[in-house]
Amino acid sequence: MLLRTAIGWHFLYEGLEKVEATWKGTKPFSAEVYLRNSAGPLAPYFRGLVPDMNGLAKLNPDRLKASWSRDVERIASHYGFDADQRARARAELRDSEAYADLWFQDAENVEKLRKYLHQLREVQTVERNPSALSYQRERASSRRKDLDVDRRELVQAIDARSGALREAILKLATPTQVASAGPLVTPWTSLDWVNRSTMYGLVAIGLCLMLGLLTPVAALGGAVFLGQIYLSMPPWPGLPPNPMAEGHYWIVNKNLIEMLACLVVASTPNGLWIGLDAMLFGRFRRDRAAFTLDDDDDRAHAARFPSQPRSTKRGRDR
């Protein structure tokens, strides 16, 4: 029970810290760093949860212009722009498209983009090769970190232009349209779903473990979460070390140990000893145990006195 409470405390505090940081706006929690630095067998899956992981959508002029056009149309439809507002919105969009054309034609940008795409293909070739040697994977991991710096530098101007375009379109809405349509809700990405499910999942698991509520389910949920964290950056031979690790590990780290502890908690009925599970499901467990004892008594009586039926009332000593 102490183990269950301690694990629950850990989960609850981690979740509340992430929720508080997100809603207070100091430094919103994001799982992007963990997903981007994944190096285990599930790395392709984890990286795929990051929208436009390698910035290829922003670094392609056709895809970039298409995303701008969709965003402008979504804002115009939300606020119900009239013909004049839509014409002004299209003018803003054309200005941004002209900026994109100039950016993609700039000789310096063309050279940086060519170099980035070439090195990205080389890194992905190693990552997708199951026969790659350990030193090749370590080198690819190191190069990916450098590529991430190059990606941020390349998309910085494009992101700034995207933000300016969005702000200019939003300013076209009149106060009456804003009050009538309400705030514009940005569609959630896969990363948004991961962030929210992580924050509130940690809180829910922590509360359930501390209160002894649905203990097996909460403990299994904690084990699954910790298993995913472990597999995202496992301390296995041949894989690059976790840059965010607090110590030095080889195969076994604290995430794996706590995951095994969650499985121990899930395999014992400790929530029925002390916890809300005892209040909610304790009577059912006691009744089932009493019937089991009665059945055992019947079998023992029949084995000892085969010709004498047992006349006691079932469950009388329950």
C-alpha atoms as a PDB file:
ATOM      1  CA  MET A   1       0.000   0.000   0.000  1.00  0.00           C
ATOM      2  CA  LEU A   2       2.915   2.337   0.689  1.00  0.00           C
ATOM      3  CA  LEU A   3       4.334   1.490  -2.731  1.00  0.00           C
ATOM      4  CA  ARG A   4       0.980   2.240  -4.348  1.00  0.00           C
ATOM      5  CA  THR A   5       0.701   5.571  -2.525  1.00  0.00           C
ATOM      6  CA  ALA A   6       4.262   6.609  -3.388  1.00  0.00           C
ATOM      7  CA  ILE A   7       3.799   5.841  -7.092  1.00  0.00           C
ATOM      8  CA  GLY A   8       0.471   7.672  -7.044  1.00  0.00           C
ATOM      9  CA  TRP A   9       2.104  10.702  -5.420  1.00  0.00           C
ATOM     10  CA  HIS A  10       4.784  10.737  -8.128  1.00  0.00           C
ATOM     11  CA  PHE A  11       2.226  10.547 -10.962  1.00  0.00           C
ATOM     12  CA  LEU A  12      -0.075  13.139  -9.390  1.00  0.00           C
ATOM     13  CA  TYR A  13       2.654  15.704  -8.758  1.00  0.00           C
ATOM     14  CA  GLU A  14       4.103  15.288 -12.255  1.00  0.00           C
ATOM     15  CA  GLY A  15       0.655  15.768 -13.782  1.00  0.00           C
ATOM     16  CA  LEU A  16      -0.288  18.790 -11.653  1.00  0.00           C
ATOM     17  CA  GLU A  17       3.042  20.482 -12.399  1.00  0.00           C
ATOM     18  CA  LYS A  18       2.436  20.105 -16.138  1.00  0.00           C
ATOM     19  CA  VAL A  19      -1.174  21.315 -15.888  1.00  0.00           C
ATOM     20  CA  GLU A  20      -0.191  24.349 -13.817  1.00  0.00           C
ATOM     21  CA  ALA A  21       2.643  25.301 -16.166  1.00  0.00           C
ATOM     22  CA  THR A  22       0.342  25.015 -19.190  1.00  0.00           C
ATOM     23  CA  TRP A  23      -2.580  27.019 -17.851  1.00  0.00           C
ATOM     24  CA  LYS A  24      -0.455  29.693 -16.171  1.00  0.00           C
ATOM     25  CA  GLY A  25       1.425  30.172 -19.431  1.00  0.00           C
ATOM     26  CA  THR A  26       4.882  30.183 -17.857  1.00  0.00           C
ATOM     27  CA  LYS A  27       6.270  27.316 -19.929  1.00  0.00           C
ATOM     28  CA  PRO A  28       3.492  25.128 -21.351  1.00  0.00           C
ATOM     29  CA  PHE A  29       4.204  21.435 -21.198  1.00  0.00           C
ATOM     30  CA  SER A  30       4.997  19.767 -24.488  1.00  0.00           C
ATOM     31  CA  ALA A  31       6.059  16.203 -25.178  1.00  0.00           C
ATOM     32  CA  GLU A  32       7.721  17.328 -28.419  1.00  0.00           C
ATOM     33  CA  VAL A  33      11.262  17.118 -27.001  1.00  0.00           C
ATOM     34  CA  TYR A  34      10.773  13.498 -25.918  1.00  0.00           C
ATOM     35  CA  LEU A  35       9.132  12.550 -29.197  1.00  0.00           C
ATOM     36  CA  ARG A  36      11.784  14.235 -31.350  1.00  0.00           C
ATOM     37  CA  ASN A  37      14.657  12.603 -29.454  1.00  0.00           C
ATOM     38  CA  SER A  38      13.189   9.106 -29.540  1.00  0.00           C
ATOM     39  CA  ALA A  39      15.844   6.529 -30.320  1.00  0.00           C
ATOM     40  CA  GLY A  40      14.262   3.179 -29.476  1.00  0.00           C
ATOM     41  CA  PRO A  41      12.400   0.645 -31.621  1.00  0.00           C
ATOM     42  CA  LEU A  42       9.258   2.793 -31.541  1.00  0.00           C
ATOM     43  CA  ALA A  43      11.111   5.962 -32.601  1.00  0.00           C
ATOM     44  CA  PRO A  44       9.355   6.210 -36.019  1.00  0.00           C
ATOM     45  CA  TYR A  45       5.961   6.011 -34.309  1.00  0.00           C
ATOM     46  CA  PHE A  46       6.833   8.586 -31.630  1.00  0.00           C
ATOM     47  CA  ARG A  47       8.348  11.003 -34.144  1.00  0.00           C
ATOM     48  CA  GLY A  48       5.298  10.607 -36.343  1.00  0.00           C
ATOM     49  CA  LEU A  49       3.211  12.159 -33.558  1.00  0.00           C
ATOM     50  CA  VAL A  50       5.001  15.497 -34.081  1.00  0.00           C
ATOM     51  CA  PRO A  51       3.237  17.489 -36.824  1.00  0.00           C
ATOM     52  CA  ASP A  52       5.607  18.201 -39.714  1.00  0.00           C
ATOM     53  CA  MET A  53       8.455  16.566 -37.817  1.00  0.00           C
ATOM     54  CA  ASN A  54      11.137  17.587 -40.313  1.00  0.00           C
ATOM     55  CA  GLY A  55       9.544  20.843 -41.480  1.00  0.00           C
ATOM     56  CA  LEU A  56       8.999  19.490 -44.982  1.00  0.00           C
ATOM     57  CA  ALA A  57       5.501  20.986 -45.263  1.00  0.00           C
ATOM     58  CA  LYS A  58       6.835  24.461 -44.511  1.00  0.00           C
ATOM     59  CA  LEU A  59       9.874  24.038 -46.737  1.00  0.00           C
ATOM     60  CA  ASN A  60       7.811  23.115 -49.777  1.00  0.00           C
ATOM     61  CA  PRO A  61       6.368  26.223 -51.506  1.00  0.00           C
ATOM     62  CA  ASP A  62       3.244  24.494 -52.824  1.00  0.00           C
ATOM     63  CA  ARG A  63       2.377  22.875 -49.489  1.00  0.00           C
ATOM     64  CA  LEU A  64       3.130  26.103 -47.632  1.00  0.00           C
ATOM     65  CA  LYS A  65       0.836  28.181 -49.858  1.00  0.00           C
ATOM     66  CA  ALA A  66      -1.909  25.553 -49.584  1.00  0.00           C
ATOM     67  CA  SER A  67      -1.752  25.651 -45.784  1.00  0.00           C
ATOM     68  CA  TRP A  68      -1.923  29.460 -45.826  1.00  0.00           C
ATOM     69  CA  SER A  69      -4.933  29.342 -48.126  1.00  0.00           C
ATOM     70  CA  ARG A  70      -6.733  26.835 -45.861  1.00  0.00           C
ATOM     71  CA  ASP A  71      -6.047  28.946 -42.787  1.00  0.00           C
ATOM     72  CA  VAL A  72      -7.344  32.109 -44.460  1.00  0.00           C
ATOM     73  CA  GLU A  73     -10.494  30.331 -45.633  1.00  0.00           C
ATOM     74  CA  ARG A  74     -11.112  28.860 -42.192  1.00  0.00           C
ATOM     75  CA  ILE A  75     -10.870  32.300 -40.540  1.00  0.00           C
ATOM     76  CA  ALA A  76     -13.094  33.878 -43.188  1.00  0.00           C
ATOM     77  CA  SER A  77     -15.734  31.177 -42.805  1.00  0.00           C
ATOM     78  CA  HIS A  78     -15.651  31.323 -39.017  1.00  0.00           C
ATOM     79  CA  TYR A  79     -16.312  35.056 -38.822  1.00  0.00           C
ATOM     80  CA  GLY A  80     -18.567  35.186 -41.888  1.00  0.00           C
ATOM     81  CA  PHE A  81     -16.546  37.646 -43.952  1.00  0.00           C
ATOM     82  CA  ASP A  82     -18.423  39.606 -46.588  1.00  0.00           C
ATOM     83  CA  ALA A  83     -17.188  40.057 -50.165  1.00  0.00           C
ATOM     84  CA  ASP A  84     -15.036  43.084 -49.327  1.00  0.00           C
ATOM     85  CA  GLN A  85     -13.381  41.358 -46.369  1.00  0.00           C
ATOM     86  CA  ARG A  86     -12.679  38.244 -48.458  1.00  0.00           C
ATOM     87  CA  ALA A  87     -11.113  40.391 -51.179  1.00  0.00           C
ATOM     88  CA  ARG A  88      -8.822  42.051 -48.641  1.00  0.00           C
ATOM     89  CA  ALA A  89      -7.984  38.633 -47.187  1.00  0.00           C
ATOM     90  CA  ARG A  90      -7.034  37.346 -50.639  1.00  0.00           C
ATOM     91  CA  ALA A  91      -4.828  40.411 -51.115  1.00  0.00           C
ATOM     92  CA  GLU A  92      -3.004  39.640 -47.856  1.00  0.00           C
ATOM     93  CA  LEU A  93      -2.629  36.030 -48.989  1.00  0.00           C
ATOM     94  CA  ARG A  94      -1.147  37.092 -52.338  1.00  0.00           C
ATOM     95  CA  ASP A  95       1.385  39.286 -50.552  1.00  0.00           C
ATOM     96  CA  SER A  96       2.470  36.349 -48.407  1.00  0.00           C
ATOM     97  CA  GLU A  97       2.681  34.083 -51.451  1.00  0.00           C
ATOM     98  CA  ALA A  98       4.873  36.657 -53.174  1.00  0.00           C
ATOM     99  CA  TYR A  99       7.108  36.712 -50.087  1.00  0.00           C
ATOM    100  CA  ALA A 100       7.328  32.899 -50.217  1.00  0.00           C
ATOM    101  CA  ASP A 101       8.347  33.010 -53.877  1.00  0.00           C
ATOM    102  CA  LEU A 102      11.156  35.420 -53.091  1.00  0.00           C
ATOM    103  CA  TRP A 103      12.282  33.356 -50.098  1.00  0.00           C
ATOM    104  CA  PHE A 104      12.462  30.100 -52.050  1.00  0.00           C
ATOM    105  CA  GLN A 105      14.320  31.844 -54.927  1.00  0.00           C
ATOM    106  CA  ASP A 106      16.966  33.399 -52.699  1.00  0.00           C
ATOM    107  CA  ALA A 107      20.324  31.785 -53.502  1.00  0.00           C
ATOM    108  CA  GLU A 108      21.407  31.480 -49.869  1.00  0.00           C
ATOM    109  CA  ASN A 109      18.120  29.895 -48.840  1.00  0.00           C
ATOM    110  CA  VAL A 110      18.242  27.513 -51.805  1.00  0.00           C
ATOM    111  CA  GLU A 111      21.709  26.307 -50.798  1.00  0.00           C
ATOM    112  CA  LYS A 112      20.754  25.874 -47.128  1.00  0.00           C
ATOM    113  CA  LEU A 113      17.589  24.025 -48.071  1.00  0.00           C
ATOM    114  CA  ARG A 114      19.432  21.736 -50.487  1.00  0.00           C
ATOM    115  CA  LYS A 115      22.039  20.879 -47.857  1.00  0.00           C
ATOM    116  CA  TYR A 116      19.385  20.267 -45.199  1.00  0.00           C
ATOM    117  CA  LEU A 117      17.322  17.914 -47.377  1.00  0.00           C
ATOM    118  CA  HIS A 118      20.411  15.987 -48.474  1.00  0.00           C
ATOM    119  CA  GLN A 119      21.615  15.421 -44.914  1.00  0.00           C
ATOM    120  CA  LEU A 120      18.094  14.557 -43.761  1.00  0.00           C
ATOM    121  CA  ARG A 121      17.850  11.803 -46.374  1.00  0.00           C
ATOM    122  CA  GLU A 122      21.186  10.376 -45.231  1.00  0.00           C
ATOM    123  CA  VAL A 123      20.092  10.316 -41.583  1.00  0.00           C
ATOM    124  CA  GLN A 124      16.739   8.743 -42.407  1.00  0.00           C
ATOM    125  CA  THR A 125      18.476   6.060 -44.469  1.00  0.00           C
ATOM    126  CA  VAL A 126      20.495   4.996 -41.423  1.00  0.00           C
ATOM    127  CA  GLU A 127      17.496   5.193 -39.066  1.00  0.00           C
ATOM    128  CA  ARG A 128      15.380   2.992 -41.337  1.00  0.00           C
ATOM    129  CA  ASN A 129      18.128   0.427 -41.831  1.00  0.00           C
ATOM    130  CA  PRO A 130      17.720  -2.390 -39.246  1.00  0.00           C
ATOM    131  CA  SER A 131      21.227  -3.623 -40.105  1.00  0.00           C
ATOM    132  CA  ALA A 132      22.918  -0.314 -39.322  1.00  0.00           C
ATOM    133  CA  LEU A 133      25.868  -0.580 -36.954  1.00  0.00           C
ATOM    134  CA  SER A 134      25.854   1.041 -33.531  1.00  0.00           C
ATOM    135  CA  TYR A 135      28.386   3.728 -34.456  1.00  0.00           C
ATOM    136  CA  GLN A 136      26.289   4.612 -37.525  1.00  0.00           C
ATOM    137  CA  ARG A 137      23.196   5.043 -35.360  1.00  0.00           C
ATOM    138  CA  GLU A 138      25.072   7.172 -32.851  1.00  0.00           C
ATOM    139  CA  ARG A 139      26.411   9.348 -35.659  1.00  0.00           C
ATOM    140  CA  ALA A 140      22.933   9.646 -37.186  1.00  0.00           C
ATOM    141  CA  SER A 141      21.507  10.652 -33.805  1.00  0.00           C
ATOM    142  CA  SER A 142      24.143  13.346 -33.409  1.00  0.00           C
ATOM    143  CA  ARG A 143      23.538  14.627 -36.941  1.00  0.00           C
ATOM    144  CA  ARG A 144      19.781  14.735 -36.321  1.00  0.00           C
ATOM    145  CA  LYS A 145      20.343  17.153 -33.458  1.00  0.00           C
ATOM    146  CA  ASP A 146      22.337  19.389 -35.785  1.00  0.00           C
ATOM    147  CA  LEU A 147      19.630  19.064 -38.423  1.00  0.00           C
ATOM    148  CA  ASP A 148      17.025  20.152 -35.894  1.00  0.00           C
ATOM    149  CA  VAL A 149      18.980  23.368 -35.385  1.00  0.00           C
ATOM    150  CA  ASP A 150      19.127  23.888 -39.155  1.00  0.00           C
ATOM    151  CA  ARG A 151      15.387  23.208 -39.446  1.00  0.00           C
ATOM    152  CA  ARG A 152      14.529  25.849 -36.850  1.00  0.00           C
ATOM    153  CA  GLU A 153      16.769  28.358 -38.611  1.00  0.00           C
ATOM    154  CA  LEU A 154      15.189  27.645 -41.997  1.00  0.00           C
ATOM    155  CA  VAL A 155      11.557  27.874 -40.866  1.00  0.00           C
ATOM    156  CA  GLN A 156      12.051  30.868 -38.589  1.00  0.00           C
ATOM    157  CA  ALA A 157      11.274  33.445 -41.280  1.00  0.00           C
ATOM    158  CA  ILE A 158       8.435  31.324 -42.674  1.00  0.00           C
ATOM    159  CA  ASP A 159       6.845  30.963 -39.228  1.00  0.00           C
ATOM    160  CA  ALA A 160       7.105  34.714 -38.708  1.00  0.00           C
ATOM    161  CA  ARG A 161       5.373  35.339 -42.032  1.00  0.00           C
ATOM    162  CA  SER A 162       2.669  32.797 -41.211  1.00  0.00           C
ATOM    163  CA  GLY A 163       1.997  34.546 -37.916  1.00  0.00           C
ATOM    164  CA  ALA A 164       1.869  37.961 -39.577  1.00  0.00           C
ATOM    165  CA  LEU A 165      -0.587  36.697 -42.202  1.00  0.00           C
ATOM    166  CA  ARG A 166      -2.839  35.150 -39.585  1.00  0.00           C
ATOM    167  CA  GLU A 167      -2.817  38.321 -37.488  1.00  0.00           C
ATOM    168  CA  ALA A 168      -3.643  40.470 -40.523  1.00  0.00           C
ATOM    169  CA  ILE A 169      -6.616  38.258 -41.445  1.00  0.00           C
ATOM    170  CA  LEU A 170      -7.926  38.233 -37.873  1.00  0.00           C
ATOM    171  CA  LYS A 171      -7.860  42.042 -37.806  1.00  0.00           C
ATOM    172  CA  LEU A 172     -10.297  42.124 -40.731  1.00  0.00           C
ATOM    173  CA  ALA A 173     -13.086  40.788 -38.488  1.00  0.00           C
ATOM    174  CA  THR A 174     -15.331  43.480 -37.040  1.00  0.00           C
ATOM    175  CA  PRO A 175     -16.156  43.576 -33.302  1.00  0.00           C
ATOM    176  CA  THR A 176     -19.702  42.475 -34.144  1.00  0.00           C
ATOM    177  CA  GLN A 177     -18.433  39.443 -36.062  1.00  0.00           C
ATOM    178  CA  VAL A 178     -16.028  38.552 -33.262  1.00  0.00           C
ATOM    179  CA  ALA A 179     -18.771  38.756 -30.636  1.00  0.00           C
ATOM    180  CA  SER A 180     -21.189  36.758 -32.759  1.00  0.00           C
ATOM    181  CA  ALA A 181     -18.844  33.990 -33.891  1.00  0.00           C
ATOM    182  CA  GLY A 182     -16.889  33.647 -30.650  1.00  0.00           C
ATOM    183  CA  PRO A 183     -13.199  32.866 -30.334  1.00  0.00           C
ATOM    184  CA  LEU A 184     -11.478  31.064 -33.163  1.00  0.00           C
ATOM    185  CA  VAL A 185     -10.525  27.566 -32.032  1.00  0.00           C
ATOM    186  CA  THR A 186      -7.413  26.146 -33.624  1.00  0.00           C
ATOM    187  CA  PRO A 187      -7.838  22.496 -34.630  1.00  0.00           C
ATOM    188  CA  TRP A 188      -5.927  20.156 -32.380  1.00  0.00           C
ATOM    189  CA  THR A 189      -2.936  18.348 -33.790  1.00  0.00           C
ATOM    190  CA  SER A 190      -1.703  14.915 -32.775  1.00  0.00           C
ATOM    191  CA  LEU A 191       0.835  16.624 -30.499  1.00  0.00           C
ATOM    192  CA  ASP A 192      -1.946  18.545 -28.731  1.00  0.00           C
ATOM    193  CA  TRP A 193      -3.742  15.265 -28.029  1.00  0.00           C
ATOM    194  CA  VAL A 194      -0.535  13.729 -26.682  1.00  0.00           C
ATOM    195  CA  ASN A 195       0.102  16.726 -24.415  1.00  0.00           C
ATOM    196  CA  ARG A 196      -3.426  16.803 -22.964  1.00  0.00           C
ATOM    197  CA  SER A 197      -3.688  13.040 -22.503  1.00  0.00           C
ATOM    198  CA  THR A 198      -0.293  12.997 -20.788  1.00  0.00           C
ATOM    199  CA  MET A 199      -1.115  15.796 -18.354  1.00  0.00           C
ATOM    200  CA  TYR A 200      -4.573  14.669 -17.320  1.00  0.00           C
ATOM    201  CA  GLY A 201      -3.716  10.989 -17.573  1.00  0.00           C
ATOM    202  CA  LEU A 202      -0.939  11.451 -15.018  1.00  0.00           C
ATOM    203  CA  VAL A 203      -3.318  13.284 -12.685  1.00  0.00           C
ATOM    204  CA  ALA A 204      -6.030  10.634 -13.018  1.00  0.00           C
ATOM    205  CA  ILE A 205      -3.619   7.733 -12.492  1.00  0.00           C
ATOM    206  CA  GLY A 206      -2.034   9.449  -9.489  1.00  0.00           C
ATOM    207  CA  LEU A 207      -5.354  10.195  -7.801  1.00  0.00           C
ATOM    208  CA  CYS A 208      -6.678   6.683  -8.366  1.00  0.00           C
ATOM    209  CA  LEU A 209      -3.543   5.077  -6.949  1.00  0.00           C
ATOM    210  CA  MET A 210      -3.452   7.310  -3.885  1.00  0.00           C
ATOM    211  CA  LEU A 211      -7.162   6.837  -3.166  1.00  0.00           C
ATOM    212  CA  GLY A 212      -7.171   3.141  -4.023  1.00  0.00           C
ATOM    213  CA  LEU A 213      -9.831   3.661  -6.703  1.00  0.00           C
ATOM    214  CA  LEU A 214      -9.906   1.236  -9.639  1.00  0.00           C
ATOM    215  CA  THR A 215      -6.425   0.306  -8.521  1.00  0.00           C
ATOM    216  CA  PRO A 216      -5.633  -2.448 -11.058  1.00  0.00           C
ATOM    217  CA  VAL A 217      -6.744  -0.297 -13.990  1.00  0.00           C
ATOM    218  CA  ALA A 218      -4.810   2.747 -12.747  1.00  0.00           C
ATOM    219  CA  ALA A 219      -1.685   0.685 -12.083  1.00  0.00           C
ATOM    220  CA  LEU A 220      -1.836  -0.910 -15.530  1.00  0.00           C
ATOM    221  CA  GLY A 221      -2.313   2.537 -17.072  1.00  0.00           C
ATOM    222  CA  GLY A 222       0.769   3.755 -15.236  1.00  0.00           C
ATOM    223  CA  ALA A 223       2.745   0.725 -16.415  1.00  0.00           C
ATOM    224  CA  VAL A 224       1.744   1.349 -20.039  1.00  0.00           C
ATOM    225  CA  PHE A 225       2.736   5.020 -19.790  1.00  0.00           C
ATOM    226  CA  LEU A 226       6.100   4.226 -18.220  1.00  0.00           C
ATOM    227  CA  GLY A 227       6.676   1.496 -20.794  1.00  0.00           C
ATOM    228  CA  GLN A 228       6.231   4.029 -23.577  1.00  0.00           C
ATOM    229  CA  ILE A 229       8.628   6.439 -21.886  1.00  0.00           C
ATOM    230  CA  TYR A 230      11.148   3.630 -21.502  1.00  0.00           C
ATOM    231  CA  LEU A 231      10.872   2.569 -25.135  1.00  0.00           C
ATOM    232  CA  SER A 232      11.195   6.141 -26.394  1.00  0.00           C
ATOM    233  CA  MET A 233      14.780   6.376 -25.097  1.00  0.00           C
ATOM    234  CA  PRO A 234      15.837   2.922 -23.880  1.00  0.00           C
ATOM    235  CA  PRO A 235      19.350   2.580 -22.409  1.00  0.00           C
ATOM    236  CA  TRP A 236      20.180  -0.301 -24.727  1.00  0.00           C
ATOM    237  CA  PRO A 237      23.559  -1.182 -26.209  1.00  0.00           C
ATOM    238  CA  GLY A 238      24.058   0.364 -29.623  1.00  0.00           C
ATOM    239  CA  LEU A 239      21.637   3.262 -29.008  1.00  0.00           C
ATOM    240  CA  PRO A 240      22.689   6.842 -28.236  1.00  0.00           C
ATOM    241  CA  PRO A 241      22.462   7.813 -24.546  1.00  0.00           C
ATOM    242  CA  ASN A 242      19.500   9.778 -23.270  1.00  0.00           C
ATOM    243  CA  PRO A 243      20.635  13.442 -23.016  1.00  0.00           C
ATOM    244  CA  MET A 244      18.015  14.107 -20.330  1.00  0.00           C
ATOM    245  CA  ALA A 245      18.897  11.140 -18.098  1.00  0.00           C
ATOM    246  CA  GLU A 246      19.655  12.007 -14.486  1.00  0.00           C
ATOM    247  CA  GLY A 247      22.183   9.200 -14.086  1.00  0.00           C
ATOM    248  CA  HIS A 248      23.958   6.444 -15.957  1.00  0.00           C
ATOM    249  CA  TYR A 249      21.938   3.404 -16.994  1.00  0.00           C
ATOM    250  CA  TRP A 250      22.423   0.210 -18.947  1.00  0.00           C
ATOM    251  CA  ILE A 251      19.259  -1.683 -19.948  1.00  0.00           C
ATOM    252  CA  VAL A 252      17.548  -0.931 -16.618  1.00  0.00           C
ATOM    253  CA  ASN A 253      16.581   2.605 -15.633  1.00  0.00           C
ATOM    254  CA  LYS A 254      14.173   4.154 -13.157  1.00  0.00           C
ATOM    255  CA  ASN A 255      11.280   4.144 -15.642  1.00  0.00           C
ATOM    256  CA  LEU A 256      11.567   0.387 -16.076  1.00  0.00           C
ATOM    257  CA  ILE A 257      11.774  -0.159 -12.307  1.00  0.00           C
ATOM    258  CA  GLU A 258       8.687   1.957 -11.634  1.00  0.00           C
ATOM    259  CA  MET A 259       6.852   0.201 -14.467  1.00  0.00           C
ATOM    260  CA  LEU A 260       7.544  -3.169 -12.818  1.00  0.00           C
ATOM    261  CA  ALA A 261       6.385  -1.713  -9.495  1.00  0.00           C
ATOM    262  CA  CYS A 262       3.102  -0.671 -11.147  1.00  0.00           C
ATOM    263  CA  LEU A 263       2.646  -4.263 -12.351  1.00  0.00           C
ATOM    264  CA  VAL A 264       3.197  -5.474  -8.788  1.00  0.00           C
ATOM    265  CA  VAL A 265       0.519  -3.074  -7.538  1.00  0.00           C
ATOM    266  CA  ALA A 266      -1.851  -4.191 -10.292  1.00  0.00           C
ATOM    267  CA  SER A 267      -1.422  -7.852  -9.341  1.00  0.00           C
ATOM    268  CA  THR A 268      -2.380  -7.409  -5.669  1.00  0.00           C
ATOM    269  CA  PRO A 269      -5.813  -6.452  -4.234  1.00  0.00           C
ATOM    270  CA  ASN A 270      -4.330  -3.668  -2.090  1.00  0.00           C
ATOM    271  CA  GLY A 271      -7.137  -1.292  -3.070  1.00  0.00           C
ATOM    272  CA  LEU A 272      -9.529  -3.697  -1.314  1.00  0.00           C
ATOM    273  CA  TRP A 273      -7.416  -3.597   1.833  1.00  0.00           C
ATOM    274  CA  ILE A 274      -7.352   0.180   2.243  1.00  0.00           C
ATOM    275  CA  GLY A 275      -8.927   2.410  -0.397  1.00  0.00           C
ATOM    276  CA  LEU A 276     -12.133   3.366  -2.121  1.00  0.00           C
ATOM    277  CA  ASP A 277     -12.169  -0.010  -3.861  1.00  0.00           C
ATOM    278  CA  ALA A 278     -12.908  -1.557  -0.473  1.00  0.00           C
ATOM    279  CA  MET A 279     -15.975   0.682  -0.075  1.00  0.00           C
ATOM    280  CA  LEU A 280     -17.217   0.137  -3.617  1.00  0.00           C
ATOM    281  CA  PHE A 281     -16.348  -3.484  -4.251  1.00  0.00           C
ATOM    282  CA  GLY A 282     -15.498  -4.871  -0.810  1.00  0.00           C
ATOM    283  CA  ARG A 283     -18.949  -6.394  -0.180  1.00  0.00           C
ATOM    284  CA  PHE A 284     -18.857  -8.237  -3.484  1.00  0.00           C
ATOM    285  CA  ARG A 285     -15.437  -9.644  -2.629  1.00  0.00           C
ATOM    286  CA  ARG A 286     -16.555 -10.696   0.863  1.00  0.00           C
ATOM    287  CA  ASP A 287     -19.677 -12.376  -0.506  1.00  0.00           C
ATOM    288  CA  ARG A 288     -17.663 -14.263  -3.092  1.00  0.00           C
ATOM    289  CA  ALA A 289     -15.164 -15.350  -0.454  1.00  0.00           C
ATOM    290  CA  ALA A 290     -17.985 -16.557   1.815  1.00  0.00           C
ATOM    291  CA  PHE A 291     -19.547 -18.655  -0.933  1.00  0.00           C
ATOM    292  CA  THR A 292     -16.132 -20.080  -1.741  1.00  0.00           C
ATOM    293  CA  LEU A 293     -15.676 -21.097   1.904  1.00  0.00           C
ATOM    294  CA  ASP A 294     -19.143 -22.713   1.942  1.00  0.00           C
ATOM    295  CA  ASP A 295     -18.270 -24.719  -1.164  1.00  0.00           C
ATOM    296  CA  ASP A 296     -15.021 -25.847   0.436  1.00  0.00           C
ATOM    297  CA  ASP A 297     -16.909 -26.895   3.579  1.00  0.00           C
ATOM    298  CA  ASP A 298     -19.400 -28.867   1.494  1.00  0.00           C
ATOM    299  CA  ARG A 299     -16.651 -30.710  -0.325  1.00  0.00           C
ATOM    300  CA  ALA A 300     -14.825 -31.473   2.925  1.00  0.00           C
ATOM    301  CA  HIS A 301     -18.041 -32.750   4.582  1.00  0.00           C
ATOM    302  CA  ALA A 302     -18.884 -34.924   1.580  1.00  0.00           C
ATOM    303  CA  ALA A 303     -15.403 -36.434   1.580  1.00  0.00           C
ATOM    304  CA  ARG A 304     -15.544 -37.204   5.299  1.00  0.00           C
ATOM    305  CA  PHE A 305     -19.186 -38.353   5.497  1.00  0.00           C
ATOM    306  CA  PRO A 306     -20.193 -39.475   1.990  1.00  0.00           C
ATOM    307  CA  SER A 307     -23.558 -40.922   3.137  1.00  0.00           C
ATOM    308  CA  GLN A 308     -24.539 -38.020   5.386  1.00  0.00           C
ATOM    309  CA  PRO A 309     -25.714 -34.844   3.630  1.00  0.00           C
ATOM    310  CA  ARG A 310     -24.720 -31.559   5.175  1.00  0.00           C
ATOM    311  CA  SER A 311     -27.725 -29.839   6.728  1.00  0.00           C
ATOM    312  CA  THR A 312     -26.178 -26.523   7.677  1.00  0.00           C
ATOM    313  CA  LYS A 313     -27.495 -23.459   5.925  1.00  0.00           C
ATOM    314  CA  ARG A 314     -25.100 -22.123   3.320  1.00  0.00           C
ATOM    315  CA  GLY A 315     -23.435 -18.909   4.323  1.00  0.00           C
ATOM    316  CA  ARG A 316     -24.767 -18.871   7.874  1.00  0.00           C
ATOM    317  CA  ASP A 317     -21.316 -18.147   9.297  1.00  0.00           C
ATOM    318  CA  ARG A 318     -20.569 -15.588   6.673  1.00  0.00           C
END
